[in-house]
Amino acid sequence: MKLLNYQLQTHIESLSGAKSTQYFGDYIRTILQDTVKPYYQRADYVGLSIQEIKSKIDTLCCDIKELQNLKKRLSESLEMAKEIIASVFLENGVDRIDGNIISSLTLSNETSSTQTSFTILDTEAVMRLGYIKYQPDMEAIEQAMMSDEGKEELVAFVRSETNTITTPAKVKVNAKRIGLGSEAEELLNIVEAA
């Protein structure tokens, strides 16, 4: 990796739509009109400056992709750890543990959400009954299926499904005490050494 930027590269990197580009244009003119240096050196200078910026962009793209993958992997690992810790707490009948540096570890309650979805079995028949936009009106069908009259009318043409999504209990760190950084490091070092 190159540690120093070409002067032209620095000028290119500072270009912005909000700033005047007059100075940059003048600088390029002086490079191209400089007869002291051969034309190929001037071309190399401009070309290499552009290539360096392109190289930085490519490197950043790769770094961003790696960071996104790392973030995704760490997020998944964190959620798994919270769920496993919560299950161990539940196995042992623990719902809260107080800490010295952190306030406490507590369990969030397991939650469930129920969603009902509808599948149209006969689109034409539903549309003839008036449940139509340019295709069957799913909002109207859902509302009708919630009423006895609508359900009776649509039962032969629409099937409903109810799904329950369960979110497992997770451990939650309740941080309260601030300014105990060195104590936390000391504690973690003691635990690691054990």
C-alpha atoms as a PDB file:
ATOM      1  CA  MET A   1       0.000   0.000   0.000  1.00  0.00           C
ATOM      2  CA  LYS A   2       1.297   3.403  -0.961  1.00  0.00           C
ATOM      3  CA  LEU A   3       1.761   5.714   2.033  1.00  0.00           C
ATOM      4  CA  LEU A   4       2.109   9.030   0.202  1.00  0.00           C
ATOM      5  CA  ASN A   5      -0.394  10.523  -2.234  1.00  0.00           C
ATOM      6  CA  TYR A   6       0.558  12.284  -5.439  1.00  0.00           C
ATOM      7  CA  GLN A   7      -0.302  15.979  -5.222  1.00  0.00           C
ATOM      8  CA  LEU A   8      -2.729  15.544  -8.122  1.00  0.00           C
ATOM      9  CA  GLN A   9      -4.341  12.599  -6.329  1.00  0.00           C
ATOM     10  CA  THR A  10      -4.920  14.794  -3.272  1.00  0.00           C
ATOM     11  CA  HIS A  11      -6.497  17.465  -5.466  1.00  0.00           C
ATOM     12  CA  ILE A  12      -8.782  14.890  -7.123  1.00  0.00           C
ATOM     13  CA  GLU A  13      -9.838  13.490  -3.736  1.00  0.00           C
ATOM     14  CA  SER A  14     -10.827  16.950  -2.538  1.00  0.00           C
ATOM     15  CA  LEU A  15     -13.043  17.658  -5.567  1.00  0.00           C
ATOM     16  CA  SER A  16     -16.675  18.213  -4.691  1.00  0.00           C
ATOM     17  CA  GLY A  17     -19.760  19.579  -6.391  1.00  0.00           C
ATOM     18  CA  ALA A  18     -20.050  22.150  -3.617  1.00  0.00           C
ATOM     19  CA  LYS A  19     -16.577  23.599  -4.290  1.00  0.00           C
ATOM     20  CA  SER A  20     -15.213  25.504  -7.245  1.00  0.00           C
ATOM     21  CA  THR A  21     -13.309  23.333  -9.701  1.00  0.00           C
ATOM     22  CA  GLN A  22     -11.425  26.261 -11.238  1.00  0.00           C
ATOM     23  CA  TYR A  23      -8.239  25.591  -9.244  1.00  0.00           C
ATOM     24  CA  PHE A  24      -8.215  21.929 -10.231  1.00  0.00           C
ATOM     25  CA  GLY A  25      -8.661  22.802 -13.925  1.00  0.00           C
ATOM     26  CA  ASP A  26      -5.793  25.300 -13.705  1.00  0.00           C
ATOM     27  CA  TYR A  27      -3.583  22.693 -12.022  1.00  0.00           C
ATOM     28  CA  ILE A  28      -4.282  20.151 -14.803  1.00  0.00           C
ATOM     29  CA  ARG A  29      -3.444  22.812 -17.426  1.00  0.00           C
ATOM     30  CA  THR A  30      -0.084  23.509 -15.764  1.00  0.00           C
ATOM     31  CA  ILE A  31       0.723  19.787 -15.740  1.00  0.00           C
ATOM     32  CA  LEU A  32      -0.176  19.329 -19.404  1.00  0.00           C
ATOM     33  CA  GLN A  33       1.587  22.549 -20.520  1.00  0.00           C
ATOM     34  CA  ASP A  34       4.800  21.858 -18.554  1.00  0.00           C
ATOM     35  CA  THR A  35       7.429  21.452 -21.278  1.00  0.00           C
ATOM     36  CA  VAL A  36      10.235  20.692 -18.798  1.00  0.00           C
ATOM     37  CA  LYS A  37       8.933  17.130 -18.342  1.00  0.00           C
ATOM     38  CA  PRO A  38       8.392  14.791 -21.283  1.00  0.00           C
ATOM     39  CA  TYR A  39       4.755  14.197 -22.324  1.00  0.00           C
ATOM     40  CA  TYR A  40       4.823  10.549 -21.172  1.00  0.00           C
ATOM     41  CA  GLN A  41       5.786  11.568 -17.612  1.00  0.00           C
ATOM     42  CA  ARG A  42       2.901  14.032 -17.526  1.00  0.00           C
ATOM     43  CA  ALA A  43       0.540  11.332 -18.825  1.00  0.00           C
ATOM     44  CA  ASP A  44       1.854   8.859 -16.249  1.00  0.00           C
ATOM     45  CA  TYR A  45       1.372  11.399 -13.457  1.00  0.00           C
ATOM     46  CA  VAL A  46      -2.257  12.044 -14.381  1.00  0.00           C
ATOM     47  CA  GLY A  47      -2.982   8.382 -15.096  1.00  0.00           C
ATOM     48  CA  LEU A  48      -1.348   7.057 -11.938  1.00  0.00           C
ATOM     49  CA  SER A  49      -3.196   9.610  -9.804  1.00  0.00           C
ATOM     50  CA  ILE A  50      -6.508   8.441 -11.270  1.00  0.00           C
ATOM     51  CA  GLN A  51      -5.514   4.779 -10.882  1.00  0.00           C
ATOM     52  CA  GLU A  52      -4.602   5.314  -7.227  1.00  0.00           C
ATOM     53  CA  ILE A  53      -8.051   6.702  -6.499  1.00  0.00           C
ATOM     54  CA  LYS A  54      -9.673   3.823  -8.411  1.00  0.00           C
ATOM     55  CA  SER A  55      -7.529   1.431  -6.368  1.00  0.00           C
ATOM     56  CA  LYS A  56      -8.671   3.080  -3.129  1.00  0.00           C
ATOM     57  CA  ILE A  57     -12.295   2.752  -4.216  1.00  0.00           C
ATOM     58  CA  ASP A  58     -11.812  -0.936  -5.054  1.00  0.00           C
ATOM     59  CA  THR A  59     -10.118  -1.541  -1.703  1.00  0.00           C
ATOM     60  CA  LEU A  60     -12.928   0.252   0.122  1.00  0.00           C
ATOM     61  CA  CYS A  61     -15.549  -1.815  -1.743  1.00  0.00           C
ATOM     62  CA  CYS A  62     -13.827  -5.032  -0.640  1.00  0.00           C
ATOM     63  CA  ASP A  63     -13.447  -3.742   2.925  1.00  0.00           C
ATOM     64  CA  ILE A  64     -17.114  -2.717   3.073  1.00  0.00           C
ATOM     65  CA  LYS A  65     -18.182  -6.135   1.815  1.00  0.00           C
ATOM     66  CA  GLU A  66     -15.978  -7.869   4.407  1.00  0.00           C
ATOM     67  CA  LEU A  67     -17.254  -5.593   7.165  1.00  0.00           C
ATOM     68  CA  GLN A  68     -20.877  -6.249   6.175  1.00  0.00           C
ATOM     69  CA  ASN A  69     -20.228 -10.003   6.255  1.00  0.00           C
ATOM     70  CA  LEU A  70     -18.487  -9.672   9.627  1.00  0.00           C
ATOM     71  CA  LYS A  71     -21.344  -7.548  10.990  1.00  0.00           C
ATOM     72  CA  LYS A  72     -23.897 -10.125   9.807  1.00  0.00           C
ATOM     73  CA  ARG A  73     -21.916 -13.024  11.288  1.00  0.00           C
ATOM     74  CA  LEU A  74     -21.362 -11.232  14.601  1.00  0.00           C
ATOM     75  CA  SER A  75     -25.050 -10.244  14.805  1.00  0.00           C
ATOM     76  CA  GLU A  76     -26.096 -13.862  14.252  1.00  0.00           C
ATOM     77  CA  SER A  77     -23.549 -15.071  16.824  1.00  0.00           C
ATOM     78  CA  LEU A  78     -24.727 -12.491  19.359  1.00  0.00           C
ATOM     79  CA  GLU A  79     -28.379 -13.510  18.942  1.00  0.00           C
ATOM     80  CA  MET A  80     -27.459 -17.200  19.273  1.00  0.00           C
ATOM     81  CA  ALA A  81     -25.406 -16.488  22.407  1.00  0.00           C
ATOM     82  CA  LYS A  82     -28.282 -14.543  23.976  1.00  0.00           C
ATOM     83  CA  GLU A  83     -30.712 -17.383  23.258  1.00  0.00           C
ATOM     84  CA  ILE A  84     -28.351 -20.095  24.590  1.00  0.00           C
ATOM     85  CA  ILE A  85     -27.608 -18.106  27.754  1.00  0.00           C
ATOM     86  CA  ALA A  86     -31.352 -17.551  28.241  1.00  0.00           C
ATOM     87  CA  SER A  87     -32.061 -21.269  27.842  1.00  0.00           C
ATOM     88  CA  VAL A  88     -29.383 -22.096  30.451  1.00  0.00           C
ATOM     89  CA  PHE A  89     -30.922 -19.514  32.793  1.00  0.00           C
ATOM     90  CA  LEU A  90     -34.379 -21.058  32.262  1.00  0.00           C
ATOM     91  CA  GLU A  91     -33.046 -24.601  32.848  1.00  0.00           C
ATOM     92  CA  ASN A  92     -31.673 -23.454  36.178  1.00  0.00           C
ATOM     93  CA  GLY A  93     -34.711 -21.395  37.180  1.00  0.00           C
ATOM     94  CA  VAL A  94     -32.839 -18.096  36.968  1.00  0.00           C
ATOM     95  CA  ASP A  95     -34.573 -14.990  35.687  1.00  0.00           C
ATOM     96  CA  ARG A  96     -32.137 -12.353  36.909  1.00  0.00           C
ATOM     97  CA  ILE A  97     -28.507 -12.104  37.998  1.00  0.00           C
ATOM     98  CA  ASP A  98     -27.168  -8.860  39.431  1.00  0.00           C
ATOM     99  CA  GLY A  99     -23.662  -7.765  38.542  1.00  0.00           C
ATOM    100  CA  ASN A 100     -21.103  -5.465  40.043  1.00  0.00           C
ATOM    101  CA  ILE A 101     -20.110  -3.572  36.904  1.00  0.00           C
ATOM    102  CA  ILE A 102     -23.277  -4.175  34.904  1.00  0.00           C
ATOM    103  CA  SER A 103     -26.605  -3.652  36.620  1.00  0.00           C
ATOM    104  CA  SER A 104     -27.995  -7.104  35.863  1.00  0.00           C
ATOM    105  CA  LEU A 105     -28.664  -9.855  33.368  1.00  0.00           C
ATOM    106  CA  THR A 106     -32.375 -10.427  32.876  1.00  0.00           C
ATOM    107  CA  LEU A 107     -34.476 -12.525  30.551  1.00  0.00           C
ATOM    108  CA  SER A 108     -36.832 -11.107  28.008  1.00  0.00           C
ATOM    109  CA  ASN A 109     -40.080 -12.985  27.786  1.00  0.00           C
ATOM    110  CA  GLU A 110     -40.637 -15.387  24.931  1.00  0.00           C
ATOM    111  CA  THR A 111     -42.976 -13.727  22.468  1.00  0.00           C
ATOM    112  CA  SER A 112     -45.280 -15.056  19.802  1.00  0.00           C
ATOM    113  CA  SER A 113     -47.028 -13.262  17.005  1.00  0.00           C
ATOM    114  CA  THR A 114     -49.812 -14.709  14.931  1.00  0.00           C
ATOM    115  CA  GLN A 115     -50.370 -13.837  11.305  1.00  0.00           C
ATOM    116  CA  THR A 116     -53.255 -14.952   9.148  1.00  0.00           C
ATOM    117  CA  SER A 117     -52.703 -15.227   5.415  1.00  0.00           C
ATOM    118  CA  PHE A 118     -55.240 -15.943   2.717  1.00  0.00           C
ATOM    119  CA  THR A 119     -54.776 -17.876  -0.526  1.00  0.00           C
ATOM    120  CA  ILE A 120     -57.293 -17.310  -3.296  1.00  0.00           C
ATOM    121  CA  LEU A 121     -58.416 -20.624  -4.724  1.00  0.00           C
ATOM    122  CA  ASP A 122     -60.627 -19.242  -7.526  1.00  0.00           C
ATOM    123  CA  THR A 123     -59.594 -15.741  -8.628  1.00  0.00           C
ATOM    124  CA  GLU A 124     -62.380 -15.339 -11.174  1.00  0.00           C
ATOM    125  CA  ALA A 125     -65.133 -16.247  -8.721  1.00  0.00           C
ATOM    126  CA  VAL A 126     -63.789 -13.846  -6.082  1.00  0.00           C
ATOM    127  CA  MET A 127     -63.598 -11.056  -8.669  1.00  0.00           C
ATOM    128  CA  ARG A 128     -67.209 -11.747  -9.801  1.00  0.00           C
ATOM    129  CA  LEU A 129     -68.290 -11.260  -6.176  1.00  0.00           C
ATOM    130  CA  GLY A 130     -66.871  -7.719  -6.339  1.00  0.00           C
ATOM    131  CA  TYR A 131     -63.572  -8.190  -4.526  1.00  0.00           C
ATOM    132  CA  ILE A 132     -61.526  -6.657  -7.272  1.00  0.00           C
ATOM    133  CA  LYS A 133     -59.120  -3.917  -8.087  1.00  0.00           C
ATOM    134  CA  TYR A 134     -57.407  -4.943 -11.280  1.00  0.00           C
ATOM    135  CA  GLN A 135     -56.749  -8.153  -9.494  1.00  0.00           C
ATOM    136  CA  PRO A 136     -58.480  -9.511  -6.418  1.00  0.00           C
ATOM    137  CA  ASP A 137     -58.554  -6.890  -3.633  1.00  0.00           C
ATOM    138  CA  MET A 138     -56.625  -8.660  -0.879  1.00  0.00           C
ATOM    139  CA  GLU A 139     -57.448  -6.015   1.735  1.00  0.00           C
ATOM    140  CA  ALA A 140     -61.187  -6.331   1.099  1.00  0.00           C
ATOM    141  CA  ILE A 141     -60.945 -10.128   1.074  1.00  0.00           C
ATOM    142  CA  GLU A 142     -59.086 -10.116   4.396  1.00  0.00           C
ATOM    143  CA  GLN A 143     -61.696  -7.813   5.937  1.00  0.00           C
ATOM    144  CA  ALA A 144     -64.532  -9.940   4.542  1.00  0.00           C
ATOM    145  CA  MET A 145     -62.945 -13.169   5.819  1.00  0.00           C
ATOM    146  CA  MET A 146     -62.948 -11.676   9.325  1.00  0.00           C
ATOM    147  CA  SER A 147     -66.746 -11.282   9.225  1.00  0.00           C
ATOM    148  CA  ASP A 148     -69.239 -14.170   9.286  1.00  0.00           C
ATOM    149  CA  GLU A 149     -71.102 -12.958   6.177  1.00  0.00           C
ATOM    150  CA  GLY A 150     -67.911 -12.480   4.122  1.00  0.00           C
ATOM    151  CA  LYS A 151     -66.452 -15.774   5.261  1.00  0.00           C
ATOM    152  CA  GLU A 152     -69.621 -17.634   4.221  1.00  0.00           C
ATOM    153  CA  GLU A 153     -69.512 -15.934   0.835  1.00  0.00           C
ATOM    154  CA  LEU A 154     -65.797 -16.606   0.210  1.00  0.00           C
ATOM    155  CA  VAL A 155     -65.193 -19.934   1.947  1.00  0.00           C
ATOM    156  CA  ALA A 156     -65.270 -21.908  -1.318  1.00  0.00           C
ATOM    157  CA  PHE A 157     -62.823 -19.538  -3.034  1.00  0.00           C
ATOM    158  CA  VAL A 158     -60.340 -18.469  -0.360  1.00  0.00           C
ATOM    159  CA  ARG A 159     -58.317 -20.546   2.068  1.00  0.00           C
ATOM    160  CA  SER A 160     -56.960 -18.961   5.253  1.00  0.00           C
ATOM    161  CA  GLU A 161     -53.822 -19.997   7.105  1.00  0.00           C
ATOM    162  CA  THR A 162     -52.732 -18.897  10.547  1.00  0.00           C
ATOM    163  CA  ASN A 163     -49.029 -18.931  11.352  1.00  0.00           C
ATOM    164  CA  THR A 164     -47.483 -18.386  14.768  1.00  0.00           C
ATOM    165  CA  ILE A 165     -43.972 -16.989  14.937  1.00  0.00           C
ATOM    166  CA  THR A 166     -42.155 -17.600  18.221  1.00  0.00           C
ATOM    167  CA  THR A 167     -39.215 -15.444  19.230  1.00  0.00           C
ATOM    168  CA  PRO A 168     -37.121 -17.279  21.832  1.00  0.00           C
ATOM    169  CA  ALA A 169     -36.202 -15.662  25.132  1.00  0.00           C
ATOM    170  CA  LYS A 170     -32.911 -13.772  25.092  1.00  0.00           C
ATOM    171  CA  VAL A 171     -30.607 -12.503  27.775  1.00  0.00           C
ATOM    172  CA  LYS A 172     -30.323  -8.749  28.092  1.00  0.00           C
ATOM    173  CA  VAL A 173     -27.385  -6.871  29.610  1.00  0.00           C
ATOM    174  CA  ASN A 174     -28.583  -3.933  31.662  1.00  0.00           C
ATOM    175  CA  ALA A 175     -25.606  -1.581  31.817  1.00  0.00           C
ATOM    176  CA  LYS A 176     -25.915   1.010  34.539  1.00  0.00           C
ATOM    177  CA  ARG A 177     -22.611   1.740  36.150  1.00  0.00           C
ATOM    178  CA  ILE A 178     -20.271   3.995  34.185  1.00  0.00           C
ATOM    179  CA  GLY A 179     -16.616   4.778  34.797  1.00  0.00           C
ATOM    180  CA  LEU A 180     -15.564   1.296  35.848  1.00  0.00           C
ATOM    181  CA  GLY A 181     -13.562   0.521  32.684  1.00  0.00           C
ATOM    182  CA  SER A 182     -10.373  -0.542  34.450  1.00  0.00           C
ATOM    183  CA  GLU A 183     -12.354  -2.659  36.929  1.00  0.00           C
ATOM    184  CA  ALA A 184     -14.113  -4.372  34.027  1.00  0.00           C
ATOM    185  CA  GLU A 185     -10.806  -5.099  32.291  1.00  0.00           C
ATOM    186  CA  GLU A 186      -9.327  -6.417  35.538  1.00  0.00           C
ATOM    187  CA  LEU A 187     -12.345  -8.647  36.100  1.00  0.00           C
ATOM    188  CA  LEU A 188     -12.231  -9.975  32.552  1.00  0.00           C
ATOM    189  CA  ASN A 189      -8.488 -10.687  32.888  1.00  0.00           C
ATOM    190  CA  ILE A 190      -9.116 -12.626  36.107  1.00  0.00           C
ATOM    191  CA  VAL A 191     -11.858 -14.692  34.428  1.00  0.00           C
ATOM    192  CA  GLU A 192      -9.609 -15.365  31.389  1.00  0.00           C
ATOM    193  CA  ALA A 193      -6.716 -16.493  33.620  1.00  0.00           C
ATOM    194  CA  ALA A 194      -8.902 -18.926  35.574  1.00  0.00           C
END
